[in-house]
PDB file of N, CA and C in Angstrom:
ATOM      1  N   MET A   1       0.846  -1.182   0.000  1.00  0.00           N
ATOM      2  CA  MET A   1       0.000   0.000   0.000  1.00  0.00           C
ATOM      3  C   MET A   1       0.879   1.228   0.000  1.00  0.00           C
ATOM      4  N   SER A   2       0.455   2.238  -0.687  1.00  0.00           N
ATOM      5  CA  SER A   2       1.202   3.476  -0.756  1.00  0.00           C
ATOM      6  C   SER A   2       1.305   4.117   0.620  1.00  0.00           C
ATOM      7  N   SER A   3       2.453   4.712   0.882  1.00  0.00           N
ATOM      8  CA  SER A   3       2.638   5.353   2.186  1.00  0.00           C
ATOM      9  C   SER A   3       1.892   6.676   2.279  1.00  0.00           C
ATOM     10  N   THR A   4       1.511   7.244   1.147  1.00  0.00           N
ATOM     11  CA  THR A   4       0.780   8.504   1.133  1.00  0.00           C
ATOM     12  C   THR A   4      -0.702   8.219   0.938  1.00  0.00           C
ATOM     13  N   GLU A   5      -1.506   8.660   1.883  1.00  0.00           N
ATOM     14  CA  GLU A   5      -2.958   8.440   1.824  1.00  0.00           C
ATOM     15  C   GLU A   5      -3.529   8.964   0.510  1.00  0.00           C
ATOM     16  N   GLY A   6      -4.366   8.145  -0.114  1.00  0.00           N
ATOM     17  CA  GLY A   6      -5.054   8.574  -1.323  1.00  0.00           C
ATOM     18  C   GLY A   6      -4.273   8.399  -2.607  1.00  0.00           C
ATOM     19  N   THR A   7      -3.106   7.765  -2.559  1.00  0.00           N
ATOM     20  CA  THR A   7      -2.327   7.610  -3.783  1.00  0.00           C
ATOM     21  C   THR A   7      -2.199   6.156  -4.225  1.00  0.00           C
ATOM     22  N   GLY A   8      -2.902   5.255  -3.571  1.00  0.00           N
ATOM     23  CA  GLY A   8      -2.834   3.846  -3.948  1.00  0.00           C
ATOM     24  C   GLY A   8      -3.666   3.553  -5.185  1.00  0.00           C
ATOM     25  N   THR A   9      -3.439   2.383  -5.750  1.00  0.00           N
ATOM     26  CA  THR A   9      -4.229   1.951  -6.901  1.00  0.00           C
ATOM     27  C   THR A   9      -5.495   1.252  -6.416  1.00  0.00           C
ATOM     28  N   MET A  10      -6.446   1.082  -7.297  1.00  0.00           N
ATOM     29  CA  MET A  10      -7.670   0.360  -6.937  1.00  0.00           C
ATOM     30  C   MET A  10      -7.335  -1.070  -6.523  1.00  0.00           C
ATOM     31  N   ARG A  11      -6.364  -1.676  -7.205  1.00  0.00           N
ATOM     32  CA  ARG A  11      -5.949  -3.030  -6.826  1.00  0.00           C
ATOM     33  C   ARG A  11      -5.418  -3.042  -5.405  1.00  0.00           C
ATOM     34  N   GLU A  12      -4.587  -2.081  -5.056  1.00  0.00           N
ATOM     35  CA  GLU A  12      -4.041  -2.009  -3.696  1.00  0.00           C
ATOM     36  C   GLU A  12      -5.149  -1.838  -2.665  1.00  0.00           C
ATOM     37  N   TYR A  13      -6.093  -0.973  -2.946  1.00  0.00           N
ATOM     38  CA  TYR A  13      -7.205  -0.763  -2.010  1.00  0.00           C
ATOM     39  C   TYR A  13      -8.046  -2.030  -1.854  1.00  0.00           C
ATOM     40  N   ALA A  14      -8.318  -2.707  -2.962  1.00  0.00           N
ATOM     41  CA  ALA A  14      -9.123  -3.931  -2.904  1.00  0.00           C
ATOM     42  C   ALA A  14      -8.412  -5.017  -2.103  1.00  0.00           C
ATOM     43  N   VAL A  15      -7.125  -5.213  -2.371  1.00  0.00           N
ATOM     44  CA  VAL A  15      -6.355  -6.240  -1.657  1.00  0.00           C
ATOM     45  C   VAL A  15      -6.257  -5.903  -0.176  1.00  0.00           C
ATOM     46  N   GLN A  16      -6.124  -4.632   0.143  1.00  0.00           N
ATOM     47  CA  GLN A  16      -5.991  -4.188   1.534  1.00  0.00           C
ATOM     48  C   GLN A  16      -7.228  -4.541   2.373  1.00  0.00           C
ATOM     49  N   THR A  17      -8.370  -4.698   1.744  1.00  0.00           N
ATOM     50  CA  THR A  17      -9.587  -5.032   2.497  1.00  0.00           C
ATOM     51  C   THR A  17      -9.551  -6.452   3.045  1.00  0.00           C
ATOM     52  N   ARG A  18      -8.654  -7.286   2.530  1.00  0.00           N
ATOM     53  CA  ARG A  18      -8.486  -8.674   2.968  1.00  0.00           C
ATOM     54  C   ARG A  18      -9.838  -9.398   3.009  1.00  0.00           C
ATOM     55  N   PRO A  19     -10.473  -9.535   1.864  1.00  0.00           N
ATOM     56  CA  PRO A  19     -11.809 -10.137   1.835  1.00  0.00           C
ATOM     57  C   PRO A  19     -11.763 -11.639   2.109  1.00  0.00           C
ATOM     58  N   THR A  20     -12.904 -12.173   2.477  1.00  0.00           N
ATOM     59  CA  THR A  20     -13.043 -13.625   2.567  1.00  0.00           C
ATOM     60  C   THR A  20     -13.731 -14.151   1.311  1.00  0.00           C
ATOM     61  N   PHE A  21     -14.448 -13.248   0.614  1.00  0.00           N
ATOM     62  CA  PHE A  21     -15.106 -13.583  -0.642  1.00  0.00           C
ATOM     63  C   PHE A  21     -15.167 -12.324  -1.490  1.00  0.00           C
ATOM     64  N   PHE A  22     -15.028 -12.474  -2.800  1.00  0.00           N
ATOM     65  CA  PHE A  22     -15.066 -11.313  -3.693  1.00  0.00           C
ATOM     66  C   PHE A  22     -15.622 -11.714  -5.052  1.00  0.00           C
ATOM     67  N   THR A  23     -16.069 -10.710  -5.808  1.00  0.00           N
ATOM     68  CA  THR A  23     -16.411 -10.906  -7.215  1.00  0.00           C
ATOM     69  C   THR A  23     -15.490 -10.013  -8.027  1.00  0.00           C
ATOM     70  N   CYS A  24     -15.105 -10.477  -9.181  1.00  0.00           N
ATOM     71  CA  CYS A  24     -14.199  -9.717 -10.038  1.00  0.00           C
ATOM     72  C   CYS A  24     -14.752  -9.717 -11.457  1.00  0.00           C
ATOM     73  N   TRP A  25     -15.064  -8.531 -11.956  1.00  0.00           N
ATOM     74  CA  TRP A  25     -15.594  -8.381 -13.308  1.00  0.00           C
ATOM     75  C   TRP A  25     -14.856  -7.220 -13.962  1.00  0.00           C
ATOM     76  N   LEU A  26     -13.778  -7.532 -14.642  1.00  0.00           N
ATOM     77  CA  LEU A  26     -12.953  -6.511 -15.276  1.00  0.00           C
ATOM     78  C   LEU A  26     -12.985  -6.653 -16.797  1.00  0.00           C
ATOM     79  N   GLY A  27     -12.887  -5.536 -17.493  1.00  0.00           N
ATOM     80  CA  GLY A  27     -12.763  -5.540 -18.939  1.00  0.00           C
ATOM     81  C   GLY A  27     -14.011  -5.176 -19.712  1.00  0.00           C
ATOM     82  N   SER A  28     -15.169  -5.302 -19.103  1.00  0.00           N
ATOM     83  CA  SER A  28     -16.407  -5.032 -19.838  1.00  0.00           C
ATOM     84  C   SER A  28     -16.497  -3.587 -20.309  1.00  0.00           C
ATOM     85  N   ASN A  29     -16.100  -2.647 -19.474  1.00  0.00           N
ATOM     86  CA  ASN A  29     -16.187  -1.244 -19.879  1.00  0.00           C
ATOM     87  C   ASN A  29     -15.204  -0.922 -20.999  1.00  0.00           C
ATOM     88  N   ASP A  30     -14.042  -1.584 -21.006  1.00  0.00           N
ATOM     89  CA  ASP A  30     -13.100  -1.407 -22.117  1.00  0.00           C
ATOM     90  C   ASP A  30     -13.775  -1.782 -23.432  1.00  0.00           C
ATOM     91  N   VAL A  31     -14.361  -2.967 -23.458  1.00  0.00           N
ATOM     92  CA  VAL A  31     -14.962  -3.488 -24.677  1.00  0.00           C
ATOM     93  C   VAL A  31     -16.206  -2.689 -25.059  1.00  0.00           C
ATOM     94  N   LEU A  32     -17.037  -2.340 -24.081  1.00  0.00           N
ATOM     95  CA  LEU A  32     -18.251  -1.578 -24.364  1.00  0.00           C
ATOM     96  C   LEU A  32     -17.912  -0.191 -24.907  1.00  0.00           C
ATOM     97  N   GLY A  33     -16.948   0.486 -24.296  1.00  0.00           N
ATOM     98  CA  GLY A  33     -16.539   1.805 -24.787  1.00  0.00           C
ATOM     99  C   GLY A  33     -16.003   1.746 -26.206  1.00  0.00           C
ATOM    100  N   TYR A  34     -15.196   0.743 -26.463  1.00  0.00           N
ATOM    101  CA  TYR A  34     -14.630   0.544 -27.799  1.00  0.00           C
ATOM    102  C   TYR A  34     -15.744   0.323 -28.825  1.00  0.00           C
ATOM    103  N   ALA A  35     -16.681  -0.562 -28.501  1.00  0.00           N
ATOM    104  CA  ALA A  35     -17.785  -0.857 -29.415  1.00  0.00           C
ATOM    105  C   ALA A  35     -18.698   0.357 -29.598  1.00  0.00           C
ATOM    106  N   SER A  36     -18.978   1.082 -28.515  1.00  0.00           N
ATOM    107  CA  SER A  36     -19.859   2.255 -28.583  1.00  0.00           C
ATOM    108  C   SER A  36     -19.274   3.361 -29.441  1.00  0.00           C
ATOM    109  N   ASP A  37     -17.948   3.431 -29.490  1.00  0.00           N
ATOM    110  CA  ASP A  37     -17.286   4.457 -30.290  1.00  0.00           C
ATOM    111  C   ASP A  37     -16.984   3.994 -31.710  1.00  0.00           C
ATOM    112  N   GLY A  38     -17.586   2.898 -32.119  1.00  0.00           N
ATOM    113  CA  GLY A  38     -17.450   2.451 -33.492  1.00  0.00           C
ATOM    114  C   GLY A  38     -16.413   1.374 -33.715  1.00  0.00           C
ATOM    115  N   GLY A  39     -15.718   0.957 -32.675  1.00  0.00           N
ATOM    116  CA  GLY A  39     -14.748  -0.124 -32.805  1.00  0.00           C
ATOM    117  C   GLY A  39     -13.493   0.240 -33.559  1.00  0.00           C
ATOM    118  N   THR A  40     -13.146   1.528 -33.565  1.00  0.00           N
ATOM    119  CA  THR A  40     -11.933   1.927 -34.269  1.00  0.00           C
ATOM    120  C   THR A  40     -10.810   2.293 -33.313  1.00  0.00           C
ATOM    121  N   GLY A  41     -11.130   2.995 -32.236  1.00  0.00           N
ATOM    122  CA  GLY A  41     -10.113   3.386 -31.264  1.00  0.00           C
ATOM    123  C   GLY A  41      -9.061   4.280 -31.885  1.00  0.00           C
ATOM    124  N   SER A  42      -8.170   4.779 -31.060  1.00  0.00           N
ATOM    125  CA  SER A  42      -7.035   5.535 -31.594  1.00  0.00           C
ATOM    126  C   SER A  42      -5.838   4.609 -31.487  1.00  0.00           C
ATOM    127  N   ALA A  43      -4.932   4.890 -30.593  1.00  0.00           N
ATOM    128  CA  ALA A  43      -3.815   3.972 -30.354  1.00  0.00           C
ATOM    129  C   ALA A  43      -4.208   3.066 -29.197  1.00  0.00           C
ATOM    130  N   PRO A  44      -3.966   1.761 -29.297  1.00  0.00           N
ATOM    131  CA  PRO A  44      -4.398   0.834 -28.241  1.00  0.00           C
ATOM    132  C   PRO A  44      -3.977   1.262 -26.842  1.00  0.00           C
ATOM    133  N   GLY A  45      -4.935   1.240 -25.929  1.00  0.00           N
ATOM    134  CA  GLY A  45      -4.653   1.512 -24.526  1.00  0.00           C
ATOM    135  C   GLY A  45      -4.427   2.958 -24.167  1.00  0.00           C
ATOM    136  N   THR A  46      -4.814   3.888 -25.059  1.00  0.00           N
ATOM    137  CA  THR A  46      -4.533   5.291 -24.767  1.00  0.00           C
ATOM    138  C   THR A  46      -5.743   6.105 -24.359  1.00  0.00           C
ATOM    139  N   GLY A  47      -6.920   5.533 -24.417  1.00  0.00           N
ATOM    140  CA  GLY A  47      -8.092   6.316 -24.077  1.00  0.00           C
ATOM    141  C   GLY A  47      -9.274   5.438 -23.732  1.00  0.00           C
ATOM    142  N   LEU A  48     -10.366   6.081 -23.366  1.00  0.00           N
ATOM    143  CA  LEU A  48     -11.552   5.341 -22.964  1.00  0.00           C
ATOM    144  C   LEU A  48     -12.186   4.562 -24.104  1.00  0.00           C
ATOM    145  N   SER A  49     -11.917   4.951 -25.341  1.00  0.00           N
ATOM    146  CA  SER A  49     -12.515   4.237 -26.468  1.00  0.00           C
ATOM    147  C   SER A  49     -11.576   3.177 -27.028  1.00  0.00           C
ATOM    148  N   ASP A  50     -10.571   2.802 -26.259  1.00  0.00           N
ATOM    149  CA  ASP A  50      -9.629   1.773 -26.676  1.00  0.00           C
ATOM    150  C   ASP A  50      -9.716   0.569 -25.752  1.00  0.00           C
ATOM    151  N   ILE A  51      -9.326  -0.571 -26.271  1.00  0.00           N
ATOM    152  CA  ILE A  51      -9.272  -1.787 -25.471  1.00  0.00           C
ATOM    153  C   ILE A  51      -7.875  -1.882 -24.868  1.00  0.00           C
ATOM    154  N   THR A  52      -7.797  -2.212 -23.588  1.00  0.00           N
ATOM    155  CA  THR A  52      -6.507  -2.388 -22.933  1.00  0.00           C
ATOM    156  C   THR A  52      -5.731  -3.481 -23.654  1.00  0.00           C
ATOM    157  N   PRO A  53      -4.451  -3.254 -23.941  1.00  0.00           N
ATOM    158  CA  PRO A  53      -3.652  -4.301 -24.588  1.00  0.00           C
ATOM    159  C   PRO A  53      -3.688  -5.594 -23.763  1.00  0.00           C
ATOM    160  N   LEU A  54      -3.757  -6.732 -24.442  1.00  0.00           N
ATOM    161  CA  LEU A  54      -3.921  -8.022 -23.788  1.00  0.00           C
ATOM    162  C   LEU A  54      -2.849  -8.286 -22.735  1.00  0.00           C
ATOM    163  N   ALA A  55      -1.595  -8.012 -23.043  1.00  0.00           N
ATOM    164  CA  ALA A  55      -0.515  -8.282 -22.082  1.00  0.00           C
ATOM    165  C   ALA A  55      -0.704  -7.469 -20.805  1.00  0.00           C
ATOM    166  N   ALA A  56      -1.095  -6.211 -20.936  1.00  0.00           N
ATOM    167  CA  ALA A  56      -1.317  -5.359 -19.757  1.00  0.00           C
ATOM    168  C   ALA A  56      -2.528  -5.846 -18.969  1.00  0.00           C
ATOM    169  N   PHE A  57      -3.603  -6.221 -19.670  1.00  0.00           N
ATOM    170  CA  PHE A  57      -4.797  -6.728 -18.995  1.00  0.00           C
ATOM    171  C   PHE A  57      -4.467  -7.996 -18.216  1.00  0.00           C
ATOM    172  N   GLU A  58      -3.793  -8.946 -18.863  1.00  0.00           N
ATOM    173  CA  GLU A  58      -3.450 -10.214 -18.202  1.00  0.00           C
ATOM    174  C   GLU A  58      -2.587  -9.990 -16.967  1.00  0.00           C
ATOM    175  N   GLU A  59      -1.586  -9.127 -17.095  1.00  0.00           N
ATOM    176  CA  GLU A  59      -0.694  -8.863 -15.962  1.00  0.00           C
ATOM    177  C   GLU A  59      -1.461  -8.261 -14.784  1.00  0.00           C
ATOM    178  N   ASN A  60      -2.251  -7.245 -15.049  1.00  0.00           N
ATOM    179  CA  ASN A  60      -3.002  -6.588 -13.976  1.00  0.00           C
ATOM    180  C   ASN A  60      -4.081  -7.492 -13.387  1.00  0.00           C
ATOM    181  N   TYR A  61      -4.741  -8.258 -14.233  1.00  0.00           N
ATOM    182  CA  TYR A  61      -5.776  -9.188 -13.767  1.00  0.00           C
ATOM    183  C   TYR A  61      -5.153 -10.232 -12.842  1.00  0.00           C
ATOM    184  N   ASN A  62      -4.041 -10.816 -13.278  1.00  0.00           N
ATOM    185  CA  ASN A  62      -3.370 -11.831 -12.462  1.00  0.00           C
ATOM    186  C   ASN A  62      -2.885 -11.261 -11.137  1.00  0.00           C
ATOM    187  N   LEU A  63      -2.328 -10.048 -11.157  1.00  0.00           N
ATOM    188  CA  LEU A  63      -1.886  -9.413  -9.905  1.00  0.00           C
ATOM    189  C   LEU A  63      -3.062  -9.212  -8.948  1.00  0.00           C
ATOM    190  N   LEU A  64      -4.192  -8.783  -9.481  1.00  0.00           N
ATOM    191  CA  LEU A  64      -5.374  -8.571  -8.644  1.00  0.00           C
ATOM    192  C   LEU A  64      -5.844  -9.883  -8.022  1.00  0.00           C
ATOM    193  N   ILE A  65      -5.990 -10.915  -8.834  1.00  0.00           N
ATOM    194  CA  ILE A  65      -6.496 -12.195  -8.320  1.00  0.00           C
ATOM    195  C   ILE A  65      -5.513 -12.800  -7.323  1.00  0.00           C
ATOM    196  N   GLU A  66      -4.228 -12.723  -7.610  1.00  0.00           N
ATOM    197  CA  GLU A  66      -3.226 -13.226  -6.659  1.00  0.00           C
ATOM    198  C   GLU A  66      -3.323 -12.483  -5.333  1.00  0.00           C
ATOM    199  N   GLY A  67      -3.467 -11.163  -5.392  1.00  0.00           N
ATOM    200  CA  GLY A  67      -3.578 -10.367  -4.172  1.00  0.00           C
ATOM    201  C   GLY A  67      -4.847 -10.652  -3.393  1.00  0.00           C
ATOM    202  N   MET A  68      -5.947 -10.820  -4.106  1.00  0.00           N
ATOM    203  CA  MET A  68      -7.228 -11.056  -3.437  1.00  0.00           C
ATOM    204  C   MET A  68      -7.292 -12.435  -2.790  1.00  0.00           C
ATOM    205  N   THR A  69      -6.577 -13.404  -3.340  1.00  0.00           N
ATOM    206  CA  THR A  69      -6.655 -14.775  -2.826  1.00  0.00           C
ATOM    207  C   THR A  69      -5.484 -15.164  -1.932  1.00  0.00           C
ATOM    208  N   GLU A  70      -4.547 -14.247  -1.701  1.00  0.00           N
ATOM    209  CA  GLU A  70      -3.346 -14.622  -0.944  1.00  0.00           C
ATOM    210  C   GLU A  70      -3.640 -15.061   0.491  1.00  0.00           C
ATOM    211  N   ASP A  71      -4.741 -14.616   1.066  1.00  0.00           N
ATOM    212  CA  ASP A  71      -5.110 -15.037   2.422  1.00  0.00           C
ATOM    213  C   ASP A  71      -6.182 -16.125   2.408  1.00  0.00           C
ATOM    214  N   GLY A  72      -6.396 -16.736   1.237  1.00  0.00           N
ATOM    215  CA  GLY A  72      -7.355 -17.833   1.148  1.00  0.00           C
ATOM    216  C   GLY A  72      -8.758 -17.442   0.746  1.00  0.00           C
ATOM    217  N   ALA A  73      -8.965 -16.192   0.362  1.00  0.00           N
ATOM    218  CA  ALA A  73     -10.307 -15.758  -0.049  1.00  0.00           C
ATOM    219  C   ALA A  73     -10.759 -16.528  -1.284  1.00  0.00           C
ATOM    220  N   LYS A  74     -12.036 -16.764  -1.354  1.00  0.00           N
ATOM    221  CA  LYS A  74     -12.660 -17.380  -2.522  1.00  0.00           C
ATOM    222  C   LYS A  74     -13.350 -16.276  -3.306  1.00  0.00           C
ATOM    223  N   GLY A  75     -13.577 -16.522  -4.578  1.00  0.00           N
ATOM    224  CA  GLY A  75     -14.227 -15.496  -5.367  1.00  0.00           C
ATOM    225  C   GLY A  75     -14.884 -16.030  -6.618  1.00  0.00           C
ATOM    226  N   VAL A  76     -15.616 -15.153  -7.261  1.00  0.00           N
ATOM    227  CA  VAL A  76     -16.260 -15.441  -8.533  1.00  0.00           C
ATOM    228  C   VAL A  76     -15.627 -14.521  -9.566  1.00  0.00           C
ATOM    229  N   LEU A  77     -15.142 -15.106 -10.655  1.00  0.00           N
ATOM    230  CA  LEU A  77     -14.541 -14.339 -11.740  1.00  0.00           C
ATOM    231  C   LEU A  77     -15.540 -14.313 -12.886  1.00  0.00           C
ATOM    232  N   ILE A  78     -15.902 -13.117 -13.308  1.00  0.00           N
ATOM    233  CA  ILE A  78     -16.926 -12.952 -14.340  1.00  0.00           C
ATOM    234  C   ILE A  78     -16.240 -12.604 -15.651  1.00  0.00           C
ATOM    235  N   THR A  79     -16.644 -13.258 -16.716  1.00  0.00           N
ATOM    236  CA  THR A  79     -16.021 -13.034 -18.013  1.00  0.00           C
ATOM    237  C   THR A  79     -16.600 -11.800 -18.695  1.00  0.00           C
ATOM    238  N   ILE A  80     -15.963 -11.420 -19.771  1.00  0.00           N
ATOM    239  CA  ILE A  80     -16.418 -10.278 -20.559  1.00  0.00           C
ATOM    240  C   ILE A  80     -17.510 -10.775 -21.506  1.00  0.00           C
ATOM    241  N   PRO A  81     -18.709 -10.210 -21.412  1.00  0.00           N
ATOM    242  CA  PRO A  81     -19.798 -10.664 -22.286  1.00  0.00           C
ATOM    243  C   PRO A  81     -19.636 -10.138 -23.710  1.00  0.00           C
ATOM    244  N   ASP A  82     -20.390 -10.700 -24.610  1.00  0.00           N
ATOM    245  CA  ASP A  82     -20.441 -10.215 -25.981  1.00  0.00           C
ATOM    246  C   ASP A  82     -21.274  -8.938 -25.975  1.00  0.00           C
ATOM    247  N   VAL A  83     -20.591  -7.793 -26.009  1.00  0.00           N
ATOM    248  CA  VAL A  83     -21.323  -6.526 -25.899  1.00  0.00           C
ATOM    249  C   VAL A  83     -22.171  -6.236 -27.129  1.00  0.00           C
ATOM    250  N   THR A  84     -21.933  -6.940 -28.218  1.00  0.00           N
ATOM    251  CA  THR A  84     -22.776  -6.700 -29.394  1.00  0.00           C
ATOM    252  C   THR A  84     -24.187  -7.239 -29.204  1.00  0.00           C
ATOM    253  N   SER A  85     -24.414  -7.978 -28.117  1.00  0.00           N
ATOM    254  CA  SER A  85     -25.771  -8.445 -27.820  1.00  0.00           C
ATOM    255  C   SER A  85     -26.560  -7.427 -26.997  1.00  0.00           C
ATOM    256  N   VAL A  86     -25.919  -6.337 -26.605  1.00  0.00           N
ATOM    257  CA  VAL A  86     -26.579  -5.270 -25.853  1.00  0.00           C
ATOM    258  C   VAL A  86     -27.617  -4.607 -26.767  1.00  0.00           C
ATOM    259  N   PRO A  87     -28.804  -4.299 -26.263  1.00  0.00           N
ATOM    260  CA  PRO A  87     -29.855  -3.716 -27.104  1.00  0.00           C
ATOM    261  C   PRO A  87     -29.420  -2.504 -27.932  1.00  0.00           C
ATOM    262  N   ALA A  88     -28.506  -1.709 -27.430  1.00  0.00           N
ATOM    263  CA  ALA A  88     -28.077  -0.526 -28.177  1.00  0.00           C
ATOM    264  C   ALA A  88     -27.468  -0.887 -29.530  1.00  0.00           C
ATOM    265  N   PHE A  89     -26.957  -2.096 -29.657  1.00  0.00           N
ATOM    266  CA  PHE A  89     -26.348  -2.526 -30.914  1.00  0.00           C
ATOM    267  C   PHE A  89     -27.298  -3.364 -31.766  1.00  0.00           C
ATOM    268  N   ASN A  90     -28.527  -3.530 -31.323  1.00  0.00           N
ATOM    269  CA  ASN A  90     -29.469  -4.400 -32.019  1.00  0.00           C
ATOM    270  C   ASN A  90     -30.835  -3.763 -32.195  1.00  0.00           C
ATOM    271  N   THR A  91     -30.871  -2.497 -32.458  1.00  0.00           N
ATOM    272  CA  THR A  91     -32.152  -1.823 -32.645  1.00  0.00           C
ATOM    273  C   THR A  91     -32.526  -1.793 -34.123  1.00  0.00           C
ATOM    274  N   ILE A  92     -33.784  -1.631 -34.382  1.00  0.00           N
ATOM    275  CA  ILE A  92     -34.256  -1.488 -35.751  1.00  0.00           C
ATOM    276  C   ILE A  92     -34.177  -0.002 -36.094  1.00  0.00           C
ATOM    277  N   PRO A  93     -33.580   0.351 -37.229  1.00  0.00           N
ATOM    278  CA  PRO A  93     -33.523   1.767 -37.595  1.00  0.00           C
ATOM    279  C   PRO A  93     -34.929   2.334 -37.796  1.00  0.00           C
ATOM    280  N   TYR A  94     -35.046   3.642 -37.736  1.00  0.00           N
ATOM    281  CA  TYR A  94     -36.363   4.281 -37.805  1.00  0.00           C
ATOM    282  C   TYR A  94     -37.131   3.885 -39.062  1.00  0.00           C
ATOM    283  N   ASP A  95     -36.420   3.569 -40.144  1.00  0.00           N
ATOM    284  CA  ASP A  95     -37.099   3.197 -41.384  1.00  0.00           C
ATOM    285  C   ASP A  95     -36.878   1.721 -41.735  1.00  0.00           C
ATOM    286  N   GLY A  96     -36.568   0.918 -40.750  1.00  0.00           N
ATOM    287  CA  GLY A  96     -36.230  -0.477 -40.997  1.00  0.00           C
ATOM    288  C   GLY A  96     -37.411  -1.408 -41.157  1.00  0.00           C
ATOM    289  N   LEU A  97     -38.593  -0.958 -40.851  1.00  0.00           N
ATOM    290  CA  LEU A  97     -39.778  -1.813 -40.952  1.00  0.00           C
ATOM    291  C   LEU A  97     -40.872  -1.035 -41.673  1.00  0.00           C
ATOM    292  N   VAL A  98     -41.274  -1.554 -42.806  1.00  0.00           N
ATOM    293  CA  VAL A  98     -42.324  -0.903 -43.580  1.00  0.00           C
ATOM    294  C   VAL A  98     -43.614  -1.694 -43.380  1.00  0.00           C
ATOM    295  N   LEU A  99     -44.605  -1.037 -42.828  1.00  0.00           N
ATOM    296  CA  LEU A  99     -45.905  -1.672 -42.621  1.00  0.00           C
ATOM    297  C   LEU A  99     -46.863  -1.235 -43.723  1.00  0.00           C
ATOM    298  N   THR A 100     -47.535  -2.209 -44.240  1.00  0.00           N
ATOM    299  CA  THR A 100     -48.585  -1.911 -45.215  1.00  0.00           C
ATOM    300  C   THR A 100     -49.890  -2.462 -44.671  1.00  0.00           C
ATOM    301  N   ARG A 101     -50.987  -2.024 -45.255  1.00  0.00           N
ATOM    302  CA  ARG A 101     -52.288  -2.510 -44.826  1.00  0.00           C
ATOM    303  C   ARG A 101     -52.358  -4.029 -45.013  1.00  0.00           C
ATOM    304  N   GLU A 102     -51.775  -4.532 -46.090  1.00  0.00           N
ATOM    305  CA  GLU A 102     -51.812  -5.960 -46.376  1.00  0.00           C
ATOM    306  C   GLU A 102     -50.984  -6.748 -45.360  1.00  0.00           C
ATOM    307  N   SER A 103     -49.827  -6.259 -45.020  1.00  0.00           N
ATOM    308  CA  SER A 103     -48.969  -7.000 -44.089  1.00  0.00           C
ATOM    309  C   SER A 103     -49.475  -6.896 -42.656  1.00  0.00           C
ATOM    310  N   HIS A 104     -50.290  -5.897 -42.380  1.00  0.00           N
ATOM    311  CA  HIS A 104     -50.826  -5.717 -41.038  1.00  0.00           C
ATOM    312  C   HIS A 104     -52.041  -6.602 -40.799  1.00  0.00           C
ATOM    313  N   GLY A 105     -52.621  -7.134 -41.859  1.00  0.00           N
ATOM    314  CA  GLY A 105     -53.757  -8.044 -41.719  1.00  0.00           C
ATOM    315  C   GLY A 105     -55.109  -7.377 -41.776  1.00  0.00           C
ATOM    316  N   ARG A 106     -55.197  -6.189 -42.289  1.00  0.00           N
ATOM    317  CA  ARG A 106     -56.492  -5.505 -42.394  1.00  0.00           C
ATOM    318  C   ARG A 106     -56.946  -5.464 -43.813  1.00  0.00           C
TER     319      ARG A 106
END
């Protein structure tokens, strides 16, 4: 833990709580932000609309899980869902459905 109050990382703060049970769900906001911004990003890992580089994600994820379980805590690890199944990515455009009297059944 950082010797200066308020300068620790989220991982340090989480590990410091010494949990007996935890849930861990990391990465979803990276993927959702990337998809919401069109899936182009700028340079990998440089902004909110980018996906964290895999090597950095793996290293930080492993450090977090190792820290959280070092005293024997159990936990649930949640995977990154397919964000393209989110309703925002599956809507019908305003002109995507043409109704006619015949197709409506009248």
